[in-house]
PDB file of N, CA and C in Angstrom:
ATOM      1  N   UNK A   1       0.851  -1.170   0.000  1.00  0.00           N
ATOM      2  CA  UNK A   1       0.000   0.000   0.000  1.00  0.00           C
ATOM      3  C   UNK A   1       0.896   1.233   0.000  1.00  0.00           C
ATOM      4  N   UNK A   2       0.625   2.149  -0.912  1.00  0.00           N
ATOM      5  CA  UNK A   2       1.428   3.362  -1.016  1.00  0.00           C
ATOM      6  C   UNK A   2       0.985   4.396   0.023  1.00  0.00           C
ATOM      7  N   UNK A   3       1.822   5.413   0.203  1.00  0.00           N
ATOM      8  CA  UNK A   3       1.473   6.516   1.109  1.00  0.00           C
ATOM      9  C   UNK A   3       0.190   7.183   0.638  1.00  0.00           C
ATOM     10  N   UNK A   4       0.041   7.328  -0.673  1.00  0.00           N
ATOM     11  CA  UNK A   4      -1.190   7.916  -1.222  1.00  0.00           C
ATOM     12  C   UNK A   4      -2.414   7.082  -0.866  1.00  0.00           C
ATOM     13  N   UNK A   5      -2.268   5.763  -0.921  1.00  0.00           N
ATOM     14  CA  UNK A   5      -3.374   4.874  -0.544  1.00  0.00           C
ATOM     15  C   UNK A   5      -3.714   5.012   0.945  1.00  0.00           C
ATOM     16  N   UNK A   6      -2.666   5.109   1.763  1.00  0.00           N
ATOM     17  CA  UNK A   6      -2.867   5.273   3.208  1.00  0.00           C
ATOM     18  C   UNK A   6      -3.612   6.576   3.478  1.00  0.00           C
ATOM     19  N   UNK A   7      -3.173   7.643   2.831  1.00  0.00           N
ATOM     20  CA  UNK A   7      -3.828   8.942   3.018  1.00  0.00           C
ATOM     21  C   UNK A   7      -5.287   8.884   2.587  1.00  0.00           C
ATOM     22  N   UNK A   8      -5.547   8.251   1.461  1.00  0.00           N
ATOM     23  CA  UNK A   8      -6.928   8.148   0.971  1.00  0.00           C
ATOM     24  C   UNK A   8      -7.792   7.359   1.947  1.00  0.00           C
ATOM     25  N   UNK A   9      -7.238   6.307   2.510  1.00  0.00           N
ATOM     26  CA  UNK A   9      -7.980   5.500   3.481  1.00  0.00           C
ATOM     27  C   UNK A   9      -8.266   6.300   4.745  1.00  0.00           C
ATOM     28  N   UNK A  10      -7.277   7.037   5.215  1.00  0.00           N
ATOM     29  CA  UNK A  10      -7.467   7.865   6.411  1.00  0.00           C
ATOM     30  C   UNK A  10      -8.510   8.944   6.145  1.00  0.00           C
ATOM     31  N   UNK A  11      -8.429   9.567   4.979  1.00  0.00           N
ATOM     32  CA  UNK A  11      -9.411  10.609   4.647  1.00  0.00           C
ATOM     33  C   UNK A  11     -10.827  10.025   4.580  1.00  0.00           C
ATOM     34  N   UNK A  12     -10.965   8.841   4.021  1.00  0.00           N
ATOM     35  CA  UNK A  12     -12.274   8.191   3.961  1.00  0.00           C
ATOM     36  C   UNK A  12     -12.777   7.878   5.373  1.00  0.00           C
ATOM     37  N   UNK A  13     -11.879   7.436   6.228  1.00  0.00           N
ATOM     38  CA  UNK A  13     -12.251   7.173   7.626  1.00  0.00           C
ATOM     39  C   UNK A  13     -12.666   8.441   8.334  1.00  0.00           C
ATOM     40  N   UNK A  14     -11.952   9.526   8.079  1.00  0.00           N
ATOM     41  CA  UNK A  14     -12.313  10.812   8.683  1.00  0.00           C
ATOM     42  C   UNK A  14     -13.682  11.271   8.217  1.00  0.00           C
ATOM     43  N   UNK A  15     -13.942  11.091   6.933  1.00  0.00           N
ATOM     44  CA  UNK A  15     -15.251  11.484   6.401  1.00  0.00           C
ATOM     45  C   UNK A  15     -16.361  10.678   7.079  1.00  0.00           C
ATOM     46  N   UNK A  16     -16.145   9.395   7.255  1.00  0.00           N
ATOM     47  CA  UNK A  16     -17.136   8.555   7.930  1.00  0.00           C
ATOM     48  C   UNK A  16     -17.315   8.996   9.384  1.00  0.00           C
ATOM     49  N   UNK A  17     -16.215   9.312  10.048  1.00  0.00           N
ATOM     50  CA  UNK A  17     -16.292   9.765  11.438  1.00  0.00           C
ATOM     51  C   UNK A  17     -17.018  11.103  11.537  1.00  0.00           C
ATOM     52  N   UNK A  18     -16.757  12.002  10.595  1.00  0.00           N
ATOM     53  CA  UNK A  18     -17.442  13.300  10.600  1.00  0.00           C
ATOM     54  C   UNK A  18     -18.938  13.135  10.335  1.00  0.00           C
ATOM     55  N   UNK A  19     -19.292  12.191   9.476  1.00  0.00           N
ATOM     56  CA  UNK A  19     -20.715  11.880   9.264  1.00  0.00           C
ATOM     57  C   UNK A  19     -21.336  11.349  10.554  1.00  0.00           C
ATOM     58  N   UNK A  20     -20.588  10.512  11.255  1.00  0.00           N
ATOM     59  CA  UNK A  20     -21.080   9.968  12.524  1.00  0.00           C
ATOM     60  C   UNK A  20     -21.275  11.088  13.552  1.00  0.00           C
ATOM     61  N   UNK A  21     -20.347  12.026  13.591  1.00  0.00           N
ATOM     62  CA  UNK A  21     -20.468  13.162  14.511  1.00  0.00           C
ATOM     63  C   UNK A  21     -21.733  13.955  14.196  1.00  0.00           C
ATOM     64  N   UNK A  22     -21.986  14.198  12.928  1.00  0.00           N
ATOM     65  CA  UNK A  22     -23.200  14.935  12.545  1.00  0.00           C
ATOM     66  C   UNK A  22     -24.451  14.177  12.979  1.00  0.00           C
ATOM     67  N   UNK A  23     -24.436  12.868  12.804  1.00  0.00           N
ATOM     68  CA  UNK A  23     -25.572  12.047  13.218  1.00  0.00           C
ATOM     69  C   UNK A  23     -25.742  12.094  14.727  1.00  0.00           C
ATOM     70  N   UNK A  24     -24.642  11.979  15.464  1.00  0.00           N
ATOM     71  CA  UNK A  24     -24.720  12.045  16.922  1.00  0.00           C
ATOM     72  C   UNK A  24     -25.210  13.405  17.391  1.00  0.00           C
ATOM     73  N   UNK A  25     -24.764  14.476  16.745  1.00  0.00           N
ATOM     74  CA  UNK A  25     -25.232  15.810  17.139  1.00  0.00           C
ATOM     75  C   UNK A  25     -26.740  15.925  16.955  1.00  0.00           C
ATOM     76  N   UNK A  26     -27.243  15.365  15.879  1.00  0.00           N
ATOM     77  CA  UNK A  26     -28.685  15.359  15.652  1.00  0.00           C
ATOM     78  C   UNK A  26     -29.371  14.539  16.752  1.00  0.00           C
ATOM     79  N   UNK A  27     -28.777  13.418  17.113  1.00  0.00           N
ATOM     80  CA  UNK A  27     -29.332  12.591  18.187  1.00  0.00           C
ATOM     81  C   UNK A  27     -29.320  13.349  19.508  1.00  0.00           C
ATOM     82  N   UNK A  28     -28.264  14.110  19.756  1.00  0.00           N
ATOM     83  CA  UNK A  28     -28.183  14.909  20.988  1.00  0.00           C
ATOM     84  C   UNK A  28     -29.312  15.937  21.031  1.00  0.00           C
ATOM     85  N   UNK A  29     -29.555  16.591  19.913  1.00  0.00           N
ATOM     86  CA  UNK A  29     -30.644  17.586  19.876  1.00  0.00           C
ATOM     87  C   UNK A  29     -31.994  16.924  20.154  1.00  0.00           C
ATOM     88  N   UNK A  30     -32.225  15.793  19.512  1.00  0.00           N
ATOM     89  CA  UNK A  30     -33.494  15.092  19.703  1.00  0.00           C
ATOM     90  C   UNK A  30     -33.621  14.557  21.120  1.00  0.00           C
ATOM     91  N   UNK A  31     -32.522  14.050  21.660  1.00  0.00           N
ATOM     92  CA  UNK A  31     -32.544  13.541  23.030  1.00  0.00           C
ATOM     93  C   UNK A  31     -32.808  14.676  24.020  1.00  0.00           C
ATOM     94  N   UNK A  32     -32.223  15.839  23.760  1.00  0.00           N
ATOM     95  CA  UNK A  32     -32.462  16.989  24.637  1.00  0.00           C
ATOM     96  C   UNK A  32     -33.936  17.399  24.610  1.00  0.00           C
ATOM     97  N   UNK A  33     -34.531  17.369  23.432  1.00  0.00           N
ATOM     98  CA  UNK A  33     -35.961  17.677  23.321  1.00  0.00           C
ATOM     99  C   UNK A  33     -36.789  16.666  24.104  1.00  0.00           C
ATOM    100  N   UNK A  34     -36.470  15.396  23.939  1.00  0.00           N
ATOM    101  CA  UNK A  34     -37.204  14.333  24.649  1.00  0.00           C
ATOM    102  C   UNK A  34     -36.994  14.450  26.154  1.00  0.00           C
ATOM    103  N   UNK A  35     -35.764  14.751  26.551  1.00  0.00           N
ATOM    104  CA  UNK A  35     -35.448  14.907  27.964  1.00  0.00           C
ATOM    105  C   UNK A  35     -36.269  16.048  28.562  1.00  0.00           C
ATOM    106  N   UNK A  36     -36.299  17.178  27.872  1.00  0.00           N
ATOM    107  CA  UNK A  36     -37.066  18.319  28.368  1.00  0.00           C
ATOM    108  C   UNK A  36     -38.545  17.994  28.501  1.00  0.00           C
ATOM    109  N   UNK A  37     -39.089  17.339  27.488  1.00  0.00           N
ATOM    110  CA  UNK A  37     -40.497  16.959  27.525  1.00  0.00           C
ATOM    111  C   UNK A  37     -40.763  15.982  28.669  1.00  0.00           C
ATOM    112  N   UNK A  38     -39.900  15.004  28.823  1.00  0.00           N
ATOM    113  CA  UNK A  38     -40.073  14.018  29.894  1.00  0.00           C
ATOM    114  C   UNK A  38     -40.010  14.685  31.263  1.00  0.00           C
ATOM    115  N   UNK A  39     -39.065  15.569  31.431  1.00  0.00           N
ATOM    116  CA  UNK A  39     -38.920  16.240  32.732  1.00  0.00           C
ATOM    117  C   UNK A  39     -40.117  17.148  33.036  1.00  0.00           C
ATOM    118  N   UNK A  40     -40.636  17.811  32.021  1.00  0.00           N
ATOM    119  CA  UNK A  40     -41.831  18.646  32.242  1.00  0.00           C
ATOM    120  C   UNK A  40     -43.046  17.777  32.549  1.00  0.00           C
ATOM    121  N   UNK A  41     -43.117  16.637  31.900  1.00  0.00           N
ATOM    122  CA  UNK A  41     -44.255  15.736  32.093  1.00  0.00           C
ATOM    123  C   UNK A  41     -44.299  15.178  33.506  1.00  0.00           C
ATOM    124  N   UNK A  42     -43.147  14.853  34.065  1.00  0.00           N
ATOM    125  CA  UNK A  42     -43.108  14.220  35.386  1.00  0.00           C
ATOM    126  C   UNK A  42     -42.689  15.183  36.495  1.00  0.00           C
ATOM    127  N   UNK A  43     -42.696  16.462  36.195  1.00  0.00           N
ATOM    128  CA  UNK A  43     -42.257  17.476  37.149  1.00  0.00           C
ATOM    129  C   UNK A  43     -42.932  17.283  38.508  1.00  0.00           C
ATOM    130  N   UNK A  44     -42.115  17.212  39.516  1.00  0.00           N
ATOM    131  CA  UNK A  44     -42.614  17.088  40.879  1.00  0.00           C
ATOM    132  C   UNK A  44     -42.843  15.662  41.337  1.00  0.00           C
ATOM    133  N   UNK A  45     -42.787  14.714  40.434  1.00  0.00           N
ATOM    134  CA  UNK A  45     -43.017  13.321  40.818  1.00  0.00           C
ATOM    135  C   UNK A  45     -41.828  12.802  41.606  1.00  0.00           C
ATOM    136  N   UNK A  46     -42.130  12.106  42.672  1.00  0.00           N
ATOM    137  CA  UNK A  46     -41.087  11.487  43.483  1.00  0.00           C
ATOM    138  C   UNK A  46     -41.088   9.966  43.328  1.00  0.00           C
ATOM    139  N   UNK A  47     -41.891   9.474  42.375  1.00  0.00           N
ATOM    140  CA  UNK A  47     -41.964   8.033  42.166  1.00  0.00           C
ATOM    141  C   UNK A  47     -40.579   7.491  41.824  1.00  0.00           C
ATOM    142  N   UNK A  48     -40.251   6.356  42.405  1.00  0.00           N
ATOM    143  CA  UNK A  48     -38.934   5.757  42.195  1.00  0.00           C
ATOM    144  C   UNK A  48     -38.673   5.486  40.717  1.00  0.00           C
ATOM    145  N   UNK A  49     -39.685   4.992  40.002  1.00  0.00           N
ATOM    146  CA  UNK A  49     -39.533   4.693  38.583  1.00  0.00           C
ATOM    147  C   UNK A  49     -39.211   5.952  37.786  1.00  0.00           C
ATOM    148  N   UNK A  50     -39.861   7.040  38.145  1.00  0.00           N
ATOM    149  CA  UNK A  50     -39.629   8.315  37.456  1.00  0.00           C
ATOM    150  C   UNK A  50     -38.203   8.781  37.700  1.00  0.00           C
ATOM    151  N   UNK A  51     -37.758   8.719  38.931  1.00  0.00           N
ATOM    152  CA  UNK A  51     -36.406   9.156  39.262  1.00  0.00           C
ATOM    153  C   UNK A  51     -35.350   8.297  38.555  1.00  0.00           C
ATOM    154  N   UNK A  52     -35.598   6.997  38.476  1.00  0.00           N
ATOM    155  CA  UNK A  52     -34.679   6.107  37.774  1.00  0.00           C
ATOM    156  C   UNK A  52     -34.639   6.430  36.278  1.00  0.00           C
ATOM    157  N   UNK A  53     -35.802   6.706  35.704  1.00  0.00           N
ATOM    158  CA  UNK A  53     -35.861   7.050  34.279  1.00  0.00           C
ATOM    159  C   UNK A  53     -35.113   8.352  34.006  1.00  0.00           C
ATOM    160  N   UNK A  54     -35.261   9.333  34.885  1.00  0.00           N
ATOM    161  CA  UNK A  54     -34.554  10.600  34.709  1.00  0.00           C
ATOM    162  C   UNK A  54     -33.045  10.403  34.829  1.00  0.00           C
ATOM    163  N   UNK A  55     -32.624   9.528  35.749  1.00  0.00           N
ATOM    164  CA  UNK A  55     -31.194   9.217  35.865  1.00  0.00           C
ATOM    165  C   UNK A  55     -30.687   8.550  34.588  1.00  0.00           C
ATOM    166  N   UNK A  56     -31.501   7.677  34.011  1.00  0.00           N
ATOM    167  CA  UNK A  56     -31.107   7.000  32.771  1.00  0.00           C
ATOM    168  C   UNK A  56     -30.968   8.003  31.629  1.00  0.00           C
ATOM    169  N   UNK A  57     -31.865   8.977  31.564  1.00  0.00           N
ATOM    170  CA  UNK A  57     -31.767  10.016  30.535  1.00  0.00           C
ATOM    171  C   UNK A  57     -30.475  10.814  30.699  1.00  0.00           C
ATOM    172  N   UNK A  58     -30.144  11.154  31.919  1.00  0.00           N
ATOM    173  CA  UNK A  58     -28.911  11.896  32.182  1.00  0.00           C
ATOM    174  C   UNK A  58     -27.688  11.062  31.808  1.00  0.00           C
ATOM    175  N   UNK A  59     -27.708   9.778  32.165  1.00  0.00           N
ATOM    176  CA  UNK A  59     -26.585   8.895  31.823  1.00  0.00           C
ATOM    177  C   UNK A  59     -26.430   8.765  30.314  1.00  0.00           C
ATOM    178  N   UNK A  60     -27.541   8.701  29.591  1.00  0.00           N
ATOM    179  CA  UNK A  60     -27.485   8.597  28.129  1.00  0.00           C
ATOM    180  C   UNK A  60     -26.865   9.851  27.529  1.00  0.00           C
ATOM    181  N   UNK A  61     -27.237  11.000  28.048  1.00  0.00           N
ATOM    182  CA  UNK A  61     -26.672  12.259  27.544  1.00  0.00           C
ATOM    183  C   UNK A  61     -25.165  12.306  27.779  1.00  0.00           C
ATOM    184  N   UNK A  62     -24.737  11.871  28.942  1.00  0.00           N
ATOM    185  CA  UNK A  62     -23.301  11.844  29.249  1.00  0.00           C
ATOM    186  C   UNK A  62     -22.562  10.915  28.282  1.00  0.00           C
ATOM    187  N   UNK A  63     -23.124   9.752  28.041  1.00  0.00           N
ATOM    188  CA  UNK A  63     -22.477   8.781  27.149  1.00  0.00           C
ATOM    189  C   UNK A  63     -22.422   9.282  25.711  1.00  0.00           C
ATOM    190  N   UNK A  64     -23.480   9.922  25.254  1.00  0.00           N
ATOM    191  CA  UNK A  64     -23.492  10.479  23.902  1.00  0.00           C
ATOM    192  C   UNK A  64     -22.398  11.540  23.766  1.00  0.00           C
ATOM    193  N   UNK A  65     -22.267  12.391  24.775  1.00  0.00           N
ATOM    194  CA  UNK A  65     -21.235  13.428  24.722  1.00  0.00           C
ATOM    195  C   UNK A  65     -19.838  12.827  24.748  1.00  0.00           C
ATOM    196  N   UNK A  66     -19.641  11.750  25.511  1.00  0.00           N
ATOM    197  CA  UNK A  66     -18.340  11.058  25.506  1.00  0.00           C
ATOM    198  C   UNK A  66     -18.037  10.503  24.122  1.00  0.00           C
ATOM    199  N   UNK A  67     -19.043   9.909  23.511  1.00  0.00           N
ATOM    200  CA  UNK A  67     -18.856   9.333  22.179  1.00  0.00           C
ATOM    201  C   UNK A  67     -18.492  10.417  21.175  1.00  0.00           C
ATOM    202  N   UNK A  68     -19.158  11.557  21.256  1.00  0.00           N
ATOM    203  CA  UNK A  68     -18.823  12.676  20.369  1.00  0.00           C
ATOM    204  C   UNK A  68     -17.365  13.089  20.545  1.00  0.00           C
ATOM    205  N   UNK A  69     -16.931  13.194  21.781  1.00  0.00           N
ATOM    206  CA  UNK A  69     -15.530  13.577  22.024  1.00  0.00           C
ATOM    207  C   UNK A  69     -14.567  12.543  21.449  1.00  0.00           C
ATOM    208  N   UNK A  70     -14.930  11.268  21.559  1.00  0.00           N
ATOM    209  CA  UNK A  70     -14.058  10.211  21.018  1.00  0.00           C
ATOM    210  C   UNK A  70     -13.946  10.312  19.500  1.00  0.00           C
ATOM    211  N   UNK A  71     -15.082  10.517  18.843  1.00  0.00           N
ATOM    212  CA  UNK A  71     -15.051  10.671  17.383  1.00  0.00           C
ATOM    213  C   UNK A  71     -14.200  11.867  16.993  1.00  0.00           C
ATOM    214  N   UNK A  72     -14.406  12.987  17.660  1.00  0.00           N
ATOM    215  CA  UNK A  72     -13.642  14.191  17.331  1.00  0.00           C
ATOM    216  C   UNK A  72     -12.150  13.971  17.574  1.00  0.00           C
ATOM    217  N   UNK A  73     -11.801  13.307  18.661  1.00  0.00           N
ATOM    218  CA  UNK A  73     -10.396  13.026  18.961  1.00  0.00           C
ATOM    219  C   UNK A  73      -9.801  12.111  17.899  1.00  0.00           C
ATOM    220  N   UNK A  74     -10.557  11.135  17.448  1.00  0.00           N
ATOM    221  CA  UNK A  74     -10.060  10.228  16.413  1.00  0.00           C
ATOM    222  C   UNK A  74      -9.772  10.980  15.123  1.00  0.00           C
ATOM    223  N   UNK A  75     -10.666  11.871  14.740  1.00  0.00           N
ATOM    224  CA  UNK A  75     -10.454  12.668  13.530  1.00  0.00           C
ATOM    225  C   UNK A  75      -9.234  13.568  13.706  1.00  0.00           C
ATOM    226  N   UNK A  76      -9.115  14.201  14.864  1.00  0.00           N
ATOM    227  CA  UNK A  76      -7.964  15.076  15.113  1.00  0.00           C
ATOM    228  C   UNK A  76      -6.647  14.297  15.023  1.00  0.00           C
ATOM    229  N   UNK A  77      -6.620  13.111  15.602  1.00  0.00           N
ATOM    230  CA  UNK A  77      -5.396  12.294  15.562  1.00  0.00           C
ATOM    231  C   UNK A  77      -5.088  11.843  14.141  1.00  0.00           C
ATOM    232  N   UNK A  78      -6.128  11.469  13.416  1.00  0.00           N
ATOM    233  CA  UNK A  78      -5.917  11.035  12.028  1.00  0.00           C
ATOM    234  C   UNK A  78      -5.421  12.192  11.184  1.00  0.00           C
ATOM    235  N   UNK A  79      -5.950  13.384  11.398  1.00  0.00           N
ATOM    236  CA  UNK A  79      -5.479  14.559  10.654  1.00  0.00           C
ATOM    237  C   UNK A  79      -4.022  14.878  10.997  1.00  0.00           C
ATOM    238  N   UNK A  80      -3.673  14.739  12.263  1.00  0.00           N
ATOM    239  CA  UNK A  80      -2.286  14.968  12.667  1.00  0.00           C
ATOM    240  C   UNK A  80      -1.354  13.950  11.977  1.00  0.00           C
ATOM    241  N   UNK A  81      -1.818  12.712  11.864  1.00  0.00           N
ATOM    242  CA  UNK A  81      -1.035  11.679  11.187  1.00  0.00           C
ATOM    243  C   UNK A  81      -0.885  12.000   9.703  1.00  0.00           C
ATOM    244  N   UNK A  82      -1.962  12.480   9.098  1.00  0.00           N
ATOM    245  CA  UNK A  82      -1.887  12.877   7.684  1.00  0.00           C
ATOM    246  C   UNK A  82      -0.833  13.963   7.478  1.00  0.00           C
ATOM    247  N   UNK A  83      -0.769  14.905   8.391  1.00  0.00           N
ATOM    248  CA  UNK A  83       0.213  15.982   8.288  1.00  0.00           C
ATOM    249  C   UNK A  83       1.627  15.404   8.391  1.00  0.00           C
ATOM    250  N   UNK A  84       1.812  14.460   9.305  1.00  0.00           N
ATOM    251  CA  UNK A  84       3.146  13.848   9.449  1.00  0.00           C
ATOM    252  C   UNK A  84       3.540  13.050   8.213  1.00  0.00           C
ATOM    253  N   UNK A  85       2.539  12.473   7.546  1.00  0.00           N
ATOM    254  CA  UNK A  85       2.826  11.723   6.328  1.00  0.00           C
ATOM    255  C   UNK A  85       3.252  12.644   5.189  1.00  0.00           C
ATOM    256  N   UNK A  86       2.828  13.895   5.285  1.00  0.00           N
ATOM    257  CA  UNK A  86       3.228  14.864   4.263  1.00  0.00           C
ATOM    258  C   UNK A  86       2.266  15.015   3.182  1.00  0.00           C
TER     259      UNK A  86
END
């Protein structure tokens, strides 16, 4: 595999990762809307099931944000490698 082939493969991977980031960002927006609606719907409820569901929503948001950071870091590292390749 030539350096040009390696670069093309990395660029294709970056494009796929950037598409994934865009998809995740859309998911974050939709999840935030759902979270807001859910919280308004159950406002004031102290039911254990409700509290557990709200914790799960918060945990999902945290995990989505971690995943976004991982994708962005992967693209940044791949771009840095492309620069080193010349």
